[in-house]
Amino acid sequence: MYIIIHEPQGKTILTNLPPQQADELNRSTYTLPLSPIGQYMTDTSDKLNIIQGENIEELFKKYIGDKIIIEAAGGMIFNDENKLLLIFRKGMWDMPKGKLDEGESIEECALREVTEETGLFSLTIEHKLQITYHTYFIGKQLILKPSHWFKMKFTGDEKLTPQSEEDITDIKWVTEDEAMQLLPTMYASVEEMIKSYFLDDTEH
């Protein structure tokens, strides 16, 4: 098992793989035959930090340390043509998501954020996908943001409306091939999510 955390200067992987297998990640170009980790590690210019231990929950607790956790949720939305919805935010392609408000469930958060950022409301959650993790700074405080992703189906006819207040300037439906071609222009955690979905049949 492993957890990938995207950081400003690279990635940290927390893993309970045996030490020899974990160490192979340092010497390889992010390929590990016994693990799907290699599918997600495409930018070899990133700094890669691997933390190995028997108990991954304990590793995660230690990693959190004095970081502030801000929970978020979002949607991987498909239409009747099985096209994926992407938004263009601050110069990068992204998927709609946002932070959890007090008193709402993670599912309610995901649906609300998708509606706010895209204008779509004819949405159904099909199932939960995975959690991605990334860190960033607010001033000098380091934030850890777990983003809970859900596969959603859109069945309405609402017009796509980008939320300008969130610096979203474009929205479009894309095929799988088009999404894969846009990976270099995506945030790392979104790239991970899309690769995980399209390369791993168990995610569907």
Protein backbone atom coordinates (compact mmCIF):
# COMPACT_ATOMS: atom_id res chain seq x y z
CA MET A 1 0.00 0.00 0.00
CA TYR A 2 1.10 3.56 -0.55
CA ILE A 3 -0.03 7.18 -0.30
CA ILE A 4 1.22 9.76 -2.81
CA ILE A 5 1.38 13.34 -1.55
CA HIS A 6 2.04 16.09 -4.07
CA GLU A 7 4.16 18.90 -2.66
CA PRO A 8 5.38 22.28 -3.99
CA GLN A 9 8.81 20.83 -4.85
CA GLY A 10 7.91 17.24 -5.74
CA LYS A 11 6.25 14.20 -4.22
CA THR A 12 6.40 12.16 -1.04
CA ILE A 13 5.35 8.51 -1.06
CA LEU A 14 4.42 6.81 2.19
CA THR A 15 4.56 3.05 1.76
CA ASN A 16 4.58 -0.20 3.67
CA LEU A 17 6.34 -2.00 0.84
CA PRO A 18 9.35 -4.02 2.03
CA PRO A 19 12.51 -1.86 2.32
CA GLN A 20 14.15 -3.37 -0.77
CA GLN A 21 11.15 -2.66 -2.98
CA ALA A 22 10.73 0.84 -1.56
CA ASP A 23 14.42 1.57 -2.13
CA GLU A 24 14.10 0.55 -5.78
CA LEU A 25 11.99 3.66 -6.33
CA ASN A 26 15.02 5.83 -5.58
CA ARG A 27 17.13 4.07 -8.20
CA SER A 28 14.50 3.69 -10.89
CA THR A 29 12.79 6.16 -13.19
CA TYR A 30 9.58 5.78 -11.22
CA THR A 31 8.80 2.26 -12.39
CA LEU A 32 8.12 -0.52 -9.96
CA PRO A 33 6.98 -3.83 -11.49
CA LEU A 34 5.31 -5.03 -8.29
CA SER A 35 3.30 -1.85 -7.75
CA PRO A 36 1.19 0.55 -9.84
CA ILE A 37 3.12 3.50 -8.39
CA GLY A 38 5.08 3.79 -11.63
CA GLN A 39 1.93 4.59 -13.57
CA TYR A 40 1.61 7.88 -11.76
CA MET A 41 5.22 9.08 -11.71
CA THR A 42 5.88 10.73 -15.04
CA ASP A 43 7.85 13.90 -14.25
CA THR A 44 11.35 12.75 -13.35
CA SER A 45 12.42 16.33 -12.63
CA ASP A 46 10.33 16.28 -9.43
CA LYS A 47 11.96 15.58 -6.10
CA LEU A 48 10.85 12.17 -4.85
CA ASN A 49 10.89 11.41 -1.14
CA ILE A 50 10.02 7.87 -0.04
CA ILE A 51 9.13 7.11 3.58
CA GLN A 52 8.87 3.40 4.34
CA GLY A 53 7.46 1.64 7.40
CA GLU A 54 5.33 -1.31 8.41
CA ASN A 55 2.32 0.74 9.56
CA ILE A 56 1.19 3.21 6.91
CA GLU A 57 -1.37 4.82 9.26
CA GLU A 58 1.42 5.69 11.69
CA LEU A 59 3.54 7.02 8.82
CA PHE A 60 0.67 9.27 7.78
CA LYS A 61 0.17 10.58 11.34
CA LYS A 62 3.86 11.44 11.58
CA TYR A 63 3.79 13.09 8.16
CA ILE A 64 0.85 15.30 9.18
CA GLY A 65 2.81 16.70 12.14
CA ASP A 66 1.83 20.34 12.61
CA LYS A 67 0.24 20.71 9.17
CA ILE A 68 -3.31 22.03 9.04
CA ILE A 69 -5.70 19.67 7.24
CA ILE A 70 -8.33 21.16 4.92
CA GLU A 71 -10.70 18.51 3.54
CA ALA A 72 -11.99 18.94 -0.01
CA ALA A 73 -14.17 17.02 -2.45
CA GLY A 74 -14.86 17.06 -6.15
CA GLY A 75 -16.21 15.24 -9.13
CA MET A 76 -14.97 13.31 -12.12
CA ILE A 77 -18.02 14.03 -14.26
CA PHE A 78 -19.05 12.13 -17.39
CA ASN A 79 -21.89 12.92 -19.80
CA ASP A 80 -24.03 10.60 -21.93
CA GLU A 81 -21.24 10.47 -24.54
CA ASN A 82 -18.82 9.29 -21.83
CA LYS A 83 -16.83 12.51 -22.13
CA LEU A 84 -15.04 13.92 -19.10
CA LEU A 85 -15.59 17.46 -17.85
CA LEU A 86 -12.48 19.61 -17.33
CA ILE A 87 -12.20 23.19 -16.10
CA PHE A 88 -9.40 25.66 -16.83
CA ARG A 89 -8.30 27.29 -13.57
CA LYS A 90 -5.34 29.63 -13.12
CA GLY A 91 -3.64 28.46 -16.29
CA MET A 92 -4.05 24.72 -15.67
CA TRP A 93 -6.65 22.11 -16.57
CA ASP A 94 -8.41 20.82 -13.48
CA MET A 95 -11.56 19.08 -12.27
CA PRO A 96 -14.16 20.83 -10.11
CA LYS A 97 -13.56 20.54 -6.38
CA GLY A 98 -13.45 22.66 -3.25
CA LYS A 99 -13.19 22.63 0.51
CA LEU A 100 -15.67 21.06 2.88
CA ASP A 101 -18.05 23.45 4.63
CA GLU A 102 -18.98 22.97 8.26
CA GLY A 103 -21.94 20.65 8.72
CA GLU A 104 -22.00 19.08 5.25
CA SER A 105 -21.06 15.56 4.22
CA ILE A 106 -18.20 14.92 1.84
CA GLU A 107 -20.73 13.87 -0.84
CA GLU A 108 -22.74 17.08 -0.37
CA CYS A 109 -19.52 19.05 -0.68
CA ALA A 110 -18.59 17.34 -3.95
CA LEU A 111 -21.99 18.00 -5.54
CA ARG A 112 -22.12 21.61 -4.32
CA GLU A 113 -18.65 22.42 -5.58
CA VAL A 114 -19.33 20.93 -9.01
CA THR A 115 -22.55 22.94 -9.32
CA GLU A 116 -20.90 26.18 -8.15
CA GLU A 117 -17.89 25.85 -10.44
CA THR A 118 -19.65 24.58 -13.58
CA GLY A 119 -23.32 25.55 -13.43
CA LEU A 120 -24.41 21.91 -13.71
CA PHE A 121 -26.93 20.48 -11.26
CA SER A 122 -28.37 17.39 -13.01
CA LEU A 123 -25.75 15.25 -11.32
CA THR A 124 -25.73 11.80 -9.76
CA ILE A 125 -22.89 10.33 -7.72
CA GLU A 126 -22.15 6.83 -9.01
CA HIS A 127 -19.42 5.85 -6.56
CA LYS A 128 -16.39 7.14 -4.70
CA LEU A 129 -13.05 6.98 -6.47
CA GLN A 130 -9.93 7.78 -4.48
CA ILE A 131 -8.40 10.45 -2.28
CA THR A 132 -5.56 12.57 -3.61
CA TYR A 133 -3.27 14.60 -1.37
CA HIS A 134 -1.35 17.80 -1.94
CA THR A 135 0.34 20.42 0.23
CA TYR A 136 0.68 24.18 -0.12
CA PHE A 137 1.47 27.20 2.00
CA ILE A 138 -0.81 29.89 3.38
CA GLY A 139 1.74 32.40 4.56
CA LYS A 140 4.21 30.30 6.52
CA GLN A 141 1.66 27.64 7.49
CA LEU A 142 1.85 24.36 5.56
CA ILE A 143 -1.54 22.97 4.56
CA LEU A 144 -2.34 19.34 3.71
CA LYS A 145 -5.43 19.00 1.53
CA PRO A 146 -7.00 15.56 1.06
CA SER A 147 -9.37 15.73 -1.93
CA HIS A 148 -12.13 13.09 -2.04
CA TRP A 149 -13.11 12.28 -5.63
CA PHE A 150 -16.43 10.88 -6.84
CA LYS A 151 -17.46 9.58 -10.23
CA MET A 152 -20.54 11.53 -11.32
CA LYS A 153 -23.01 11.27 -14.18
CA PHE A 154 -24.48 14.38 -15.83
CA THR A 155 -27.84 13.84 -17.54
CA GLY A 156 -29.23 17.35 -17.93
CA ASP A 157 -29.04 20.13 -20.52
CA GLU A 158 -27.71 22.99 -18.41
CA LYS A 159 -25.25 25.38 -20.01
CA LEU A 160 -21.65 25.14 -18.83
CA THR A 161 -20.95 28.26 -16.77
CA PRO A 162 -17.42 28.78 -15.40
CA GLN A 163 -17.25 30.33 -11.93
CA SER A 164 -15.15 33.42 -12.55
CA GLU A 165 -14.82 34.09 -8.81
CA GLU A 166 -12.68 30.93 -8.63
CA ASP A 167 -10.55 32.02 -11.61
CA ILE A 168 -12.19 29.44 -13.89
CA THR A 169 -12.07 30.75 -17.45
CA ASP A 170 -13.05 27.72 -19.54
CA ILE A 171 -14.95 24.43 -19.27
CA LYS A 172 -15.13 21.65 -21.82
CA TRP A 173 -16.02 18.01 -22.36
CA VAL A 174 -13.12 15.84 -23.54
CA THR A 175 -12.60 12.27 -24.67
CA GLU A 176 -10.23 9.93 -22.85
CA ASP A 177 -7.55 10.50 -25.51
CA GLU A 178 -7.94 14.27 -25.26
CA ALA A 179 -7.70 14.11 -21.46
CA MET A 180 -4.50 12.07 -21.64
CA GLN A 181 -2.98 14.58 -24.08
CA LEU A 182 -3.72 17.40 -21.63
CA LEU A 183 -1.93 15.71 -18.70
CA PRO A 184 1.18 17.96 -18.94
CA THR A 185 -1.06 20.99 -18.38
CA MET A 186 -2.83 19.59 -15.30
CA TYR A 187 -2.15 19.90 -11.61
CA ALA A 188 -0.20 16.88 -10.38
CA SER A 189 -2.97 15.50 -8.16
CA VAL A 190 -5.51 15.78 -11.01
CA GLU A 191 -3.07 14.09 -13.37
CA GLU A 192 -2.78 11.26 -10.83
CA MET A 193 -6.56 10.97 -10.56
CA ILE A 194 -7.10 10.81 -14.32
CA LYS A 195 -4.32 8.30 -14.88
CA SER A 196 -5.60 6.15 -12.06
CA TYR A 197 -9.10 6.11 -13.56
CA PHE A 198 -8.22 5.42 -17.18
CA LEU A 199 -5.32 3.01 -16.55
CA ASP A 200 -6.91 0.97 -13.76
CA ASP A 201 -10.09 -0.88 -14.72
CA THR A 202 -11.03 -1.34 -11.05
CA GLU A 203 -11.71 2.41 -10.78
CA HIS A 204 -14.63 2.32 -13.28
